[in-house]
Amino acid sequence: MSPSFTLPQLKTLKLDWHSEGILVMTFNRPERMNSMTPESYAEWKQVMELVHSTPAIRVLVTTGSGRAYSAGLDFSAVNKYASKKEEQEDLFERNEVTRNLAKLLITSPVPMIAAVN
């Protein structure tokens, strides 16, 4: 059964809709053990905004593709922010995304289940 709303097409996350209100979010960077990049956090924030605004979603299940749930932060993706001033300003904006994601996670209107592999 397809959802009554549109699932966004994301680069680092994969979304699957299951009947009865179950949304499965898969960290989808198996070549990097699903380590998180600034883009991953922005996409996760987008998913959580969808969860907050869509009553049809009754539970969010997160999992990882490949052999890991997530290896954590991908330092190779954030090292570029250490040198130039404009890149540091971009990092500040990325930190704001992460803070907003944390707020959305804490205030989630639905249960969240981590299917850790």
PDB file of N, CA and C in Angstrom:
ATOM      1  N   MET A   1       0.842  -1.178   0.000  1.00  0.00           N
ATOM      2  CA  MET A   1       0.000   0.000   0.000  1.00  0.00           C
ATOM      3  C   MET A   1       0.886   1.239   0.000  1.00  0.00           C
ATOM      4  N   SER A   2       0.670   2.134  -0.937  1.00  0.00           N
ATOM      5  CA  SER A   2       1.496   3.335  -1.007  1.00  0.00           C
ATOM      6  C   SER A   2       0.960   4.391  -0.042  1.00  0.00           C
ATOM      7  N   PRO A   3       1.865   5.258   0.426  1.00  0.00           N
ATOM      8  CA  PRO A   3       1.439   6.264   1.399  1.00  0.00           C
ATOM      9  C   PRO A   3       0.583   7.346   0.747  1.00  0.00           C
ATOM     10  N   SER A   4      -0.161   8.061   1.564  1.00  0.00           N
ATOM     11  CA  SER A   4      -0.991   9.163   1.075  1.00  0.00           C
ATOM     12  C   SER A   4      -0.194  10.465   1.011  1.00  0.00           C
ATOM     13  N   PHE A   5       1.106  10.376   1.170  1.00  0.00           N
ATOM     14  CA  PHE A   5       1.997  11.532   1.110  1.00  0.00           C
ATOM     15  C   PHE A   5       3.202  11.141   0.268  1.00  0.00           C
ATOM     16  N   THR A   6       4.002  12.099  -0.102  1.00  0.00           N
ATOM     17  CA  THR A   6       5.156  11.837  -0.958  1.00  0.00           C
ATOM     18  C   THR A   6       6.407  11.620  -0.127  1.00  0.00           C
ATOM     19  N   LEU A   7       7.076  10.501  -0.368  1.00  0.00           N
ATOM     20  CA  LEU A   7       8.355  10.240   0.286  1.00  0.00           C
ATOM     21  C   LEU A   7       9.455  10.948  -0.495  1.00  0.00           C
ATOM     22  N   PRO A   8      10.295  11.721   0.185  1.00  0.00           N
ATOM     23  CA  PRO A   8      11.379  12.396  -0.534  1.00  0.00           C
ATOM     24  C   PRO A   8      12.416  11.401  -1.042  1.00  0.00           C
ATOM     25  N   GLN A   9      13.026  11.724  -2.163  1.00  0.00           N
ATOM     26  CA  GLN A   9      14.137  10.941  -2.698  1.00  0.00           C
ATOM     27  C   GLN A   9      15.416  11.534  -2.117  1.00  0.00           C
ATOM     28  N   LEU A  10      16.143  10.756  -1.353  1.00  0.00           N
ATOM     29  CA  LEU A  10      17.320  11.234  -0.642  1.00  0.00           C
ATOM     30  C   LEU A  10      18.570  10.534  -1.147  1.00  0.00           C
ATOM     31  N   LYS A  11      19.717  11.150  -0.919  1.00  0.00           N
ATOM     32  CA  LYS A  11      20.978  10.601  -1.409  1.00  0.00           C
ATOM     33  C   LYS A  11      21.615   9.628  -0.418  1.00  0.00           C
ATOM     34  N   THR A  12      21.584   9.949   0.880  1.00  0.00           N
ATOM     35  CA  THR A  12      22.283   9.123   1.874  1.00  0.00           C
ATOM     36  C   THR A  12      21.352   8.273   2.723  1.00  0.00           C
ATOM     37  N   LEU A  13      20.060   8.489   2.588  1.00  0.00           N
ATOM     38  CA  LEU A  13      19.056   7.725   3.330  1.00  0.00           C
ATOM     39  C   LEU A  13      18.052   7.147   2.343  1.00  0.00           C
ATOM     40  N   LYS A  14      17.507   6.001   2.686  1.00  0.00           N
ATOM     41  CA  LYS A  14      16.468   5.375   1.866  1.00  0.00           C
ATOM     42  C   LYS A  14      15.220   5.239   2.725  1.00  0.00           C
ATOM     43  N   LEU A  15      14.077   5.609   2.183  1.00  0.00           N
ATOM     44  CA  LEU A  15      12.813   5.506   2.906  1.00  0.00           C
ATOM     45  C   LEU A  15      11.925   4.451   2.269  1.00  0.00           C
ATOM     46  N   ASP A  16      11.323   3.620   3.118  1.00  0.00           N
ATOM     47  CA  ASP A  16      10.377   2.601   2.672  1.00  0.00           C
ATOM     48  C   ASP A  16       9.123   2.701   3.528  1.00  0.00           C
ATOM     49  N   TRP A  17       7.981   2.727   2.871  1.00  0.00           N
ATOM     50  CA  TRP A  17       6.698   2.795   3.551  1.00  0.00           C
ATOM     51  C   TRP A  17       6.109   1.404   3.647  1.00  0.00           C
ATOM     52  N   HIS A  18       5.671   1.040   4.842  1.00  0.00           N
ATOM     53  CA  HIS A  18       4.998  -0.234   5.062  1.00  0.00           C
ATOM     54  C   HIS A  18       3.592   0.069   5.572  1.00  0.00           C
ATOM     55  N   SER A  19       2.695  -0.844   5.345  1.00  0.00           N
ATOM     56  CA  SER A  19       1.323  -0.625   5.797  1.00  0.00           C
ATOM     57  C   SER A  19       1.272  -0.418   7.301  1.00  0.00           C
ATOM     58  N   GLU A  20       0.170   0.049   7.753  1.00  0.00           N
ATOM     59  CA  GLU A  20      -0.076   0.291   9.179  1.00  0.00           C
ATOM     60  C   GLU A  20       0.770   1.423   9.754  1.00  0.00           C
ATOM     61  N   GLY A  21       1.257   2.321   8.912  1.00  0.00           N
ATOM     62  CA  GLY A  21       1.933   3.508   9.408  1.00  0.00           C
ATOM     63  C   GLY A  21       3.396   3.353   9.745  1.00  0.00           C
ATOM     64  N   ILE A  22       4.048   2.335   9.216  1.00  0.00           N
ATOM     65  CA  ILE A  22       5.460   2.093   9.534  1.00  0.00           C
ATOM     66  C   ILE A  22       6.346   2.700   8.448  1.00  0.00           C
ATOM     67  N   LEU A  23       7.216   3.629   8.848  1.00  0.00           N
ATOM     68  CA  LEU A  23       8.200   4.210   7.943  1.00  0.00           C
ATOM     69  C   LEU A  23       9.573   3.679   8.344  1.00  0.00           C
ATOM     70  N   VAL A  24      10.274   3.082   7.386  1.00  0.00           N
ATOM     71  CA  VAL A  24      11.620   2.556   7.634  1.00  0.00           C
ATOM     72  C   VAL A  24      12.621   3.485   6.956  1.00  0.00           C
ATOM     73  N   MET A  25      13.555   3.997   7.745  1.00  0.00           N
ATOM     74  CA  MET A  25      14.622   4.855   7.247  1.00  0.00           C
ATOM     75  C   MET A  25      15.927   4.076   7.334  1.00  0.00           C
ATOM     76  N   THR A  26      16.582   3.891   6.185  1.00  0.00           N
ATOM     77  CA  THR A  26      17.822   3.119   6.128  1.00  0.00           C
ATOM     78  C   THR A  26      18.993   4.044   5.842  1.00  0.00           C
ATOM     79  N   PHE A  27      19.988   4.033   6.736  1.00  0.00           N
ATOM     80  CA  PHE A  27      21.236   4.735   6.445  1.00  0.00           C
ATOM     81  C   PHE A  27      21.852   4.011   5.255  1.00  0.00           C
ATOM     82  N   ASN A  28      22.117   4.736   4.166  1.00  0.00           N
ATOM     83  CA  ASN A  28      22.450   4.069   2.915  1.00  0.00           C
ATOM     84  C   ASN A  28      23.804   4.517   2.355  1.00  0.00           C
ATOM     85  N   ARG A  29      24.838   4.334   3.149  1.00  0.00           N
ATOM     86  CA  ARG A  29      26.213   4.551   2.702  1.00  0.00           C
ATOM     87  C   ARG A  29      27.045   3.341   3.127  1.00  0.00           C
ATOM     88  N   PRO A  30      26.688   2.149   2.639  1.00  0.00           N
ATOM     89  CA  PRO A  30      27.367   0.947   3.128  1.00  0.00           C
ATOM     90  C   PRO A  30      28.866   0.934   2.842  1.00  0.00           C
ATOM     91  N   GLU A  31      29.290   1.621   1.781  1.00  0.00           N
ATOM     92  CA  GLU A  31      30.716   1.663   1.453  1.00  0.00           C
ATOM     93  C   GLU A  31      31.526   2.408   2.514  1.00  0.00           C
ATOM     94  N   ARG A  32      30.848   3.233   3.333  1.00  0.00           N
ATOM     95  CA  ARG A  32      31.490   3.973   4.429  1.00  0.00           C
ATOM     96  C   ARG A  32      30.893   3.548   5.777  1.00  0.00           C
ATOM     97  N   MET A  33      30.352   2.346   5.815  1.00  0.00           N
ATOM     98  CA  MET A  33      29.713   1.796   7.020  1.00  0.00           C
ATOM     99  C   MET A  33      28.648   2.753   7.575  1.00  0.00           C
ATOM    100  N   ASN A  34      27.956   3.418   6.650  1.00  0.00           N
ATOM    101  CA  ASN A  34      26.849   4.321   6.988  1.00  0.00           C
ATOM    102  C   ASN A  34      27.266   5.461   7.908  1.00  0.00           C
ATOM    103  N   SER A  35      28.531   5.869   7.807  1.00  0.00           N
ATOM    104  CA  SER A  35      28.981   7.004   8.619  1.00  0.00           C
ATOM    105  C   SER A  35      28.255   8.265   8.152  1.00  0.00           C
ATOM    106  N   MET A  36      28.067   9.182   9.081  1.00  0.00           N
ATOM    107  CA  MET A  36      27.236  10.355   8.861  1.00  0.00           C
ATOM    108  C   MET A  36      28.043  11.532   8.333  1.00  0.00           C
ATOM    109  N   THR A  37      27.478  12.195   7.336  1.00  0.00           N
ATOM    110  CA  THR A  37      28.047  13.406   6.755  1.00  0.00           C
ATOM    111  C   THR A  37      27.101  14.571   7.060  1.00  0.00           C
ATOM    112  N   PRO A  38      27.535  15.801   6.818  1.00  0.00           N
ATOM    113  CA  PRO A  38      26.592  16.911   6.979  1.00  0.00           C
ATOM    114  C   PRO A  38      25.322  16.716   6.152  1.00  0.00           C
ATOM    115  N   GLU A  39      25.463  16.162   4.958  1.00  0.00           N
ATOM    116  CA  GLU A  39      24.298  15.889   4.118  1.00  0.00           C
ATOM    117  C   GLU A  39      23.375  14.848   4.764  1.00  0.00           C
ATOM    118  N   SER A  40      23.955  13.838   5.395  1.00  0.00           N
ATOM    119  CA  SER A  40      23.153  12.812   6.076  1.00  0.00           C
ATOM    120  C   SER A  40      22.308  13.425   7.180  1.00  0.00           C
ATOM    121  N   TYR A  41      22.919  14.317   7.970  1.00  0.00           N
ATOM    122  CA  TYR A  41      22.173  14.967   9.049  1.00  0.00           C
ATOM    123  C   TYR A  41      21.046  15.836   8.494  1.00  0.00           C
ATOM    124  N   ALA A  42      21.316  16.560   7.400  1.00  0.00           N
ATOM    125  CA  ALA A  42      20.282  17.401   6.792  1.00  0.00           C
ATOM    126  C   ALA A  42      19.126  16.546   6.275  1.00  0.00           C
ATOM    127  N   GLU A  43      19.442  15.403   5.676  1.00  0.00           N
ATOM    128  CA  GLU A  43      18.387  14.518   5.187  1.00  0.00           C
ATOM    129  C   GLU A  43      17.603  13.899   6.334  1.00  0.00           C
ATOM    130  N   TRP A  44      18.287  13.525   7.415  1.00  0.00           N
ATOM    131  CA  TRP A  44      17.603  12.960   8.578  1.00  0.00           C
ATOM    132  C   TRP A  44      16.659  13.998   9.174  1.00  0.00           C
ATOM    133  N   LYS A  45      17.104  15.253   9.207  1.00  0.00           N
ATOM    134  CA  LYS A  45      16.243  16.338   9.684  1.00  0.00           C
ATOM    135  C   LYS A  45      15.002  16.438   8.797  1.00  0.00           C
ATOM    136  N   GLN A  46      15.186  16.313   7.494  1.00  0.00           N
ATOM    137  CA  GLN A  46      14.064  16.348   6.562  1.00  0.00           C
ATOM    138  C   GLN A  46      13.078  15.211   6.852  1.00  0.00           C
ATOM    139  N   VAL A  47      13.592  14.029   7.140  1.00  0.00           N
ATOM    140  CA  VAL A  47      12.733  12.888   7.481  1.00  0.00           C
ATOM    141  C   VAL A  47      11.966  13.176   8.770  1.00  0.00           C
ATOM    142  N   MET A  48      12.646  13.727   9.763  1.00  0.00           N
ATOM    143  CA  MET A  48      11.970  14.005  11.033  1.00  0.00           C
ATOM    144  C   MET A  48      10.915  15.098  10.880  1.00  0.00           C
ATOM    145  N   GLU A  49      11.143  16.062  10.002  1.00  0.00           N
ATOM    146  CA  GLU A  49      10.107  17.061   9.725  1.00  0.00           C
ATOM    147  C   GLU A  49       8.892  16.386   9.096  1.00  0.00           C
ATOM    148  N   LEU A  50       9.127  15.416   8.227  1.00  0.00           N
ATOM    149  CA  LEU A  50       8.031  14.641   7.638  1.00  0.00           C
ATOM    150  C   LEU A  50       7.277  13.872   8.721  1.00  0.00           C
ATOM    151  N   VAL A  51       8.002  13.246   9.629  1.00  0.00           N
ATOM    152  CA  VAL A  51       7.382  12.499  10.730  1.00  0.00           C
ATOM    153  C   VAL A  51       6.505  13.429  11.570  1.00  0.00           C
ATOM    154  N   HIS A  52       7.014  14.609  11.873  1.00  0.00           N
ATOM    155  CA  HIS A  52       6.262  15.564  12.695  1.00  0.00           C
ATOM    156  C   HIS A  52       5.005  16.078  11.996  1.00  0.00           C
ATOM    157  N   SER A  53       5.022  16.137  10.672  1.00  0.00           N
ATOM    158  CA  SER A  53       3.906  16.754   9.944  1.00  0.00           C
ATOM    159  C   SER A  53       2.943  15.747   9.304  1.00  0.00           C
ATOM    160  N   THR A  54       3.187  14.456   9.510  1.00  0.00           N
ATOM    161  CA  THR A  54       2.382  13.440   8.821  1.00  0.00           C
ATOM    162  C   THR A  54       1.752  12.475   9.818  1.00  0.00           C
ATOM    163  N   PRO A  55       0.482  12.675  10.152  1.00  0.00           N
ATOM    164  CA  PRO A  55      -0.177  11.790  11.120  1.00  0.00           C
ATOM    165  C   PRO A  55      -0.244  10.331  10.684  1.00  0.00           C
ATOM    166  N   ALA A  56      -0.153  10.058   9.382  1.00  0.00           N
ATOM    167  CA  ALA A  56      -0.210   8.666   8.907  1.00  0.00           C
ATOM    168  C   ALA A  56       1.004   7.860   9.354  1.00  0.00           C
ATOM    169  N   ILE A  57       2.103   8.542   9.671  1.00  0.00           N
ATOM    170  CA  ILE A  57       3.297   7.844  10.157  1.00  0.00           C
ATOM    171  C   ILE A  57       3.096   7.574  11.642  1.00  0.00           C
ATOM    172  N   ARG A  58       3.082   6.296  12.001  1.00  0.00           N
ATOM    173  CA  ARG A  58       2.822   5.924  13.388  1.00  0.00           C
ATOM    174  C   ARG A  58       4.056   5.425  14.113  1.00  0.00           C
ATOM    175  N   VAL A  59       5.092   5.037  13.356  1.00  0.00           N
ATOM    176  CA  VAL A  59       6.352   4.591  13.959  1.00  0.00           C
ATOM    177  C   VAL A  59       7.461   4.790  12.926  1.00  0.00           C
ATOM    178  N   LEU A  60       8.656   5.124  13.406  1.00  0.00           N
ATOM    179  CA  LEU A  60       9.831   5.251  12.546  1.00  0.00           C
ATOM    180  C   LEU A  60      10.843   4.198  12.970  1.00  0.00           C
ATOM    181  N   VAL A  61      11.229   3.354  12.024  1.00  0.00           N
ATOM    182  CA  VAL A  61      12.257   2.338  12.261  1.00  0.00           C
ATOM    183  C   VAL A  61      13.500   2.782  11.503  1.00  0.00           C
ATOM    184  N   THR A  62      14.644   2.820  12.195  1.00  0.00           N
ATOM    185  CA  THR A  62      15.901   3.151  11.524  1.00  0.00           C
ATOM    186  C   THR A  62      16.779   1.910  11.485  1.00  0.00           C
ATOM    187  N   THR A  63      17.506   1.760  10.378  1.00  0.00           N
ATOM    188  CA  THR A  63      18.425   0.638  10.220  1.00  0.00           C
ATOM    189  C   THR A  63      19.543   1.068   9.286  1.00  0.00           C
ATOM    190  N   GLY A  64      20.516   0.204   9.108  1.00  0.00           N
ATOM    191  CA  GLY A  64      21.629   0.504   8.219  1.00  0.00           C
ATOM    192  C   GLY A  64      21.740  -0.521   7.114  1.00  0.00           C
ATOM    193  N   SER A  65      22.161  -0.086   5.940  1.00  0.00           N
ATOM    194  CA  SER A  65      22.397  -1.035   4.851  1.00  0.00           C
ATOM    195  C   SER A  65      23.808  -1.594   4.985  1.00  0.00           C
ATOM    196  N   GLY A  66      23.985  -2.802   4.490  1.00  0.00           N
ATOM    197  CA  GLY A  66      25.300  -3.427   4.593  1.00  0.00           C
ATOM    198  C   GLY A  66      25.545  -4.014   5.969  1.00  0.00           C
ATOM    199  N   ARG A  67      26.803  -4.008   6.390  1.00  0.00           N
ATOM    200  CA  ARG A  67      27.169  -4.715   7.620  1.00  0.00           C
ATOM    201  C   ARG A  67      27.166  -3.857   8.882  1.00  0.00           C
ATOM    202  N   ALA A  68      26.806  -2.582   8.767  1.00  0.00           N
ATOM    203  CA  ALA A  68      26.820  -1.717   9.954  1.00  0.00           C
ATOM    204  C   ALA A  68      25.562  -0.867  10.019  1.00  0.00           C
ATOM    205  N   TYR A  69      25.124  -0.593  11.235  1.00  0.00           N
ATOM    206  CA  TYR A  69      24.039   0.369  11.438  1.00  0.00           C
ATOM    207  C   TYR A  69      24.564   1.752  11.070  1.00  0.00           C
ATOM    208  N   SER A  70      25.594   2.213  11.777  1.00  0.00           N
ATOM    209  CA  SER A  70      26.292   3.456  11.455  1.00  0.00           C
ATOM    210  C   SER A  70      27.596   3.493  12.227  1.00  0.00           C
ATOM    211  N   ALA A  71      28.649   3.892  11.543  1.00  0.00           N
ATOM    212  CA  ALA A  71      29.961   4.014  12.189  1.00  0.00           C
ATOM    213  C   ALA A  71      30.123   5.360  12.886  1.00  0.00           C
ATOM    214  N   GLY A  72      29.086   6.200  12.865  1.00  0.00           N
ATOM    215  CA  GLY A  72      29.173   7.514  13.499  1.00  0.00           C
ATOM    216  C   GLY A  72      29.528   8.585  12.483  1.00  0.00           C
ATOM    217  N   LEU A  73      30.242   9.596  12.936  1.00  0.00           N
ATOM    218  CA  LEU A  73      30.590  10.731  12.088  1.00  0.00           C
ATOM    219  C   LEU A  73      31.663  10.353  11.074  1.00  0.00           C
ATOM    220  N   ASP A  74      31.477  10.761   9.835  1.00  0.00           N
ATOM    221  CA  ASP A  74      32.483  10.562   8.788  1.00  0.00           C
ATOM    222  C   ASP A  74      33.439  11.751   8.831  1.00  0.00           C
ATOM    223  N   PHE A  75      34.556  11.574   9.518  1.00  0.00           N
ATOM    224  CA  PHE A  75      35.502  12.672   9.701  1.00  0.00           C
ATOM    225  C   PHE A  75      36.088  13.150   8.379  1.00  0.00           C
ATOM    226  N   SER A  76      36.214  12.270   7.403  1.00  0.00           N
ATOM    227  CA  SER A  76      36.757  12.703   6.110  1.00  0.00           C
ATOM    228  C   SER A  76      35.827  13.703   5.428  1.00  0.00           C
ATOM    229  N   ALA A  77      34.549  13.647   5.732  1.00  0.00           N
ATOM    230  CA  ALA A  77      33.587  14.572   5.136  1.00  0.00           C
ATOM    231  C   ALA A  77      33.566  15.924   5.834  1.00  0.00           C
ATOM    232  N   VAL A  78      34.042  15.997   7.076  1.00  0.00           N
ATOM    233  CA  VAL A  78      34.017  17.271   7.807  1.00  0.00           C
ATOM    234  C   VAL A  78      35.392  17.902   7.962  1.00  0.00           C
ATOM    235  N   ASN A  79      36.459  17.193   7.635  1.00  0.00           N
ATOM    236  CA  ASN A  79      37.806  17.760   7.752  1.00  0.00           C
ATOM    237  C   ASN A  79      38.000  18.989   6.889  1.00  0.00           C
ATOM    238  N   LYS A  80      37.293  19.073   5.770  1.00  0.00           N
ATOM    239  CA  LYS A  80      37.452  20.217   4.872  1.00  0.00           C
ATOM    240  C   LYS A  80      37.025  21.532   5.523  1.00  0.00           C
ATOM    241  N   TYR A  81      36.263  21.459   6.615  1.00  0.00           N
ATOM    242  CA  TYR A  81      35.785  22.673   7.265  1.00  0.00           C
ATOM    243  C   TYR A  81      36.809  23.295   8.211  1.00  0.00           C
ATOM    244  N   ALA A  82      37.938  22.683   8.374  1.00  0.00           N
ATOM    245  CA  ALA A  82      38.890  23.129   9.388  1.00  0.00           C
ATOM    246  C   ALA A  82      39.765  24.294   8.947  1.00  0.00           C
ATOM    247  N   SER A  83      39.830  24.605   7.653  1.00  0.00           N
ATOM    248  CA  SER A  83      40.831  25.563   7.203  1.00  0.00           C
ATOM    249  C   SER A  83      40.294  26.957   6.898  1.00  0.00           C
ATOM    250  N   LYS A  84      39.421  27.106   5.944  1.00  0.00           N
ATOM    251  CA  LYS A  84      39.007  28.426   5.473  1.00  0.00           C
ATOM    252  C   LYS A  84      37.846  28.987   6.280  1.00  0.00           C
ATOM    253  N   LYS A  85      37.845  30.330   6.413  1.00  0.00           N
ATOM    254  CA  LYS A  85      36.820  31.005   7.202  1.00  0.00           C
ATOM    255  C   LYS A  85      35.411  30.725   6.672  1.00  0.00           C
ATOM    256  N   GLU A  86      35.204  30.803   5.353  1.00  0.00           N
ATOM    257  CA  GLU A  86      33.860  30.570   4.810  1.00  0.00           C
ATOM    258  C   GLU A  86      33.409  29.130   5.027  1.00  0.00           C
ATOM    259  N   GLU A  87      34.357  28.214   5.028  1.00  0.00           N
ATOM    260  CA  GLU A  87      34.008  26.821   5.308  1.00  0.00           C
ATOM    261  C   GLU A  87      33.645  26.647   6.778  1.00  0.00           C
ATOM    262  N   GLN A  88      34.301  27.397   7.663  1.00  0.00           N
ATOM    263  CA  GLN A  88      33.959  27.346   9.083  1.00  0.00           C
ATOM    264  C   GLN A  88      32.568  27.923   9.312  1.00  0.00           C
ATOM    265  N   GLU A  89      32.211  28.971   8.568  1.00  0.00           N
ATOM    266  CA  GLU A  89      30.857  29.528   8.680  1.00  0.00           C
ATOM    267  C   GLU A  89      29.822  28.511   8.203  1.00  0.00           C
ATOM    268  N   ASP A  90      30.144  27.782   7.133  1.00  0.00           N
ATOM    269  CA  ASP A  90      29.255  26.724   6.652  1.00  0.00           C
ATOM    270  C   ASP A  90      29.105  25.634   7.709  1.00  0.00           C
ATOM    271  N   LEU A  91      30.200  25.326   8.396  1.00  0.00           N
ATOM    272  CA  LEU A  91      30.142  24.328   9.464  1.00  0.00           C
ATOM    273  C   LEU A  91      29.211  24.792  10.579  1.00  0.00           C
ATOM    274  N   PHE A  92      29.236  26.094  10.902  1.00  0.00           N
ATOM    275  CA  PHE A  92      28.321  26.625  11.919  1.00  0.00           C
ATOM    276  C   PHE A  92      26.873  26.394  11.492  1.00  0.00           C
ATOM    277  N   GLU A  93      26.573  26.651  10.215  1.00  0.00           N
ATOM    278  CA  GLU A  93      25.216  26.409   9.716  1.00  0.00           C
ATOM    279  C   GLU A  93      24.862  24.926   9.797  1.00  0.00           C
ATOM    280  N   ARG A  94      25.820  24.062   9.506  1.00  0.00           N
ATOM    281  CA  ARG A  94      25.591  22.614   9.603  1.00  0.00           C
ATOM    282  C   ARG A  94      25.322  22.213  11.050  1.00  0.00           C
ATOM    283  N   ASN A  95      26.023  22.852  11.991  1.00  0.00           N
ATOM    284  CA  ASN A  95      25.774  22.565  13.405  1.00  0.00           C
ATOM    285  C   ASN A  95      24.349  22.944  13.786  1.00  0.00           C
ATOM    286  N   GLU A  96      23.830  24.006  13.194  1.00  0.00           N
ATOM    287  CA  GLU A  96      22.448  24.403  13.445  1.00  0.00           C
ATOM    288  C   GLU A  96      21.490  23.314  12.956  1.00  0.00           C
ATOM    289  N   VAL A  97      21.783  22.720  11.813  1.00  0.00           N
ATOM    290  CA  VAL A  97      20.974  21.609  11.297  1.00  0.00           C
ATOM    291  C   VAL A  97      20.977  20.463  12.303  1.00  0.00           C
ATOM    292  N   THR A  98      22.160  20.149  12.834  1.00  0.00           N
ATOM    293  CA  THR A  98      22.279  19.049  13.792  1.00  0.00           C
ATOM    294  C   THR A  98      21.512  19.355  15.073  1.00  0.00           C
ATOM    295  N   ARG A  99      21.601  20.591  15.558  1.00  0.00           N
ATOM    296  CA  ARG A  99      20.832  20.970  16.755  1.00  0.00           C
ATOM    297  C   ARG A  99      19.330  20.836  16.498  1.00  0.00           C
ATOM    298  N   ASN A 100      18.885  21.308  15.336  1.00  0.00           N
ATOM    299  CA  ASN A 100      17.460  21.200  15.013  1.00  0.00           C
ATOM    300  C   ASN A 100      17.028  19.744  14.872  1.00  0.00           C
ATOM    301  N   LEU A 101      17.897  18.912  14.302  1.00  0.00           N
ATOM    302  CA  LEU A 101      17.600  17.479  14.222  1.00  0.00           C
ATOM    303  C   LEU A 101      17.427  16.899  15.616  1.00  0.00           C
ATOM    304  N   ALA A 102      18.318  17.249  16.524  1.00  0.00           N
ATOM    305  CA  ALA A 102      18.221  16.734  17.897  1.00  0.00           C
ATOM    306  C   ALA A 102      16.896  17.129  18.535  1.00  0.00           C
ATOM    307  N   LYS A 103      16.464  18.364  18.330  1.00  0.00           N
ATOM    308  CA  LYS A 103      15.177  18.811  18.878  1.00  0.00           C
ATOM    309  C   LYS A 103      14.025  17.994  18.298  1.00  0.00           C
ATOM    310  N   LEU A 104      14.080  17.743  16.988  1.00  0.00           N
ATOM    311  CA  LEU A 104      13.022  16.955  16.343  1.00  0.00           C
ATOM    312  C   LEU A 104      13.007  15.517  16.850  1.00  0.00           C
ATOM    313  N   LEU A 105      14.180  14.954  17.093  1.00  0.00           N
ATOM    314  CA  LEU A 105      14.252  13.592  17.626  1.00  0.00           C
ATOM    315  C   LEU A 105      13.681  13.531  19.038  1.00  0.00           C
ATOM    316  N   ILE A 106      14.054  14.499  19.865  1.00  0.00           N
ATOM    317  CA  ILE A 106      13.596  14.522  21.260  1.00  0.00           C
ATOM    318  C   ILE A 106      12.083  14.688  21.341  1.00  0.00           C
ATOM    319  N   THR A 107      11.520  15.465  20.441  1.00  0.00           N
ATOM    320  CA  THR A 107      10.082  15.753  20.493  1.00  0.00           C
ATOM    321  C   THR A 107       9.272  14.905  19.507  1.00  0.00           C
ATOM    322  N   SER A 108       9.832  13.809  19.052  1.00  0.00           N
ATOM    323  CA  SER A 108       9.151  12.969  18.065  1.00  0.00           C
ATOM    324  C   SER A 108       7.749  12.587  18.536  1.00  0.00           C
ATOM    325  N   PRO A 109       6.760  12.743  17.661  1.00  0.00           N
ATOM    326  CA  PRO A 109       5.395  12.371  18.035  1.00  0.00           C
ATOM    327  C   PRO A 109       5.129  10.868  17.920  1.00  0.00           C
ATOM    328  N   VAL A 110       6.116  10.121  17.421  1.00  0.00           N
ATOM    329  CA  VAL A 110       5.930   8.679  17.241  1.00  0.00           C
ATOM    330  C   VAL A 110       7.087   7.930  17.885  1.00  0.00           C
ATOM    331  N   PRO A 111       6.868   6.663  18.228  1.00  0.00           N
ATOM    332  CA  PRO A 111       7.986   5.850  18.720  1.00  0.00           C
ATOM    333  C   PRO A 111       9.015   5.664  17.608  1.00  0.00           C
ATOM    334  N   MET A 112      10.269   5.577  18.009  1.00  0.00           N
ATOM    335  CA  MET A 112      11.355   5.313  17.064  1.00  0.00           C
ATOM    336  C   MET A 112      12.064   4.044  17.510  1.00  0.00           C
ATOM    337  N   ILE A 113      12.295   3.158  16.563  1.00  0.00           N
ATOM    338  CA  ILE A 113      12.937   1.875  16.847  1.00  0.00           C
ATOM    339  C   ILE A 113      14.213   1.793  16.024  1.00  0.00           C
ATOM    340  N   ALA A 114      15.327   1.485  16.676  1.00  0.00           N
ATOM    341  CA  ALA A 114      16.591   1.281  15.970  1.00  0.00           C
ATOM    342  C   ALA A 114      16.780  -0.215  15.757  1.00  0.00           C
ATOM    343  N   ALA A 115      16.748  -0.638  14.503  1.00  0.00           N
ATOM    344  CA  ALA A 115      17.001  -2.037  14.149  1.00  0.00           C
ATOM    345  C   ALA A 115      18.488  -2.140  13.833  1.00  0.00           C
ATOM    346  N   VAL A 116      19.288  -2.307  14.877  1.00  0.00           N
ATOM    347  CA  VAL A 116      20.744  -2.261  14.757  1.00  0.00           C
ATOM    348  C   VAL A 116      21.257  -3.573  14.186  1.00  0.00           C
ATOM    349  N   ASN A 117      22.074  -3.457  13.147  1.00  0.00           N
ATOM    350  CA  ASN A 117      22.672  -4.637  12.523  1.00  0.00           C
ATOM    351  C   ASN A 117      24.174  -4.619  12.727  1.00  0.00           C
TER     352      ASN A 117
END
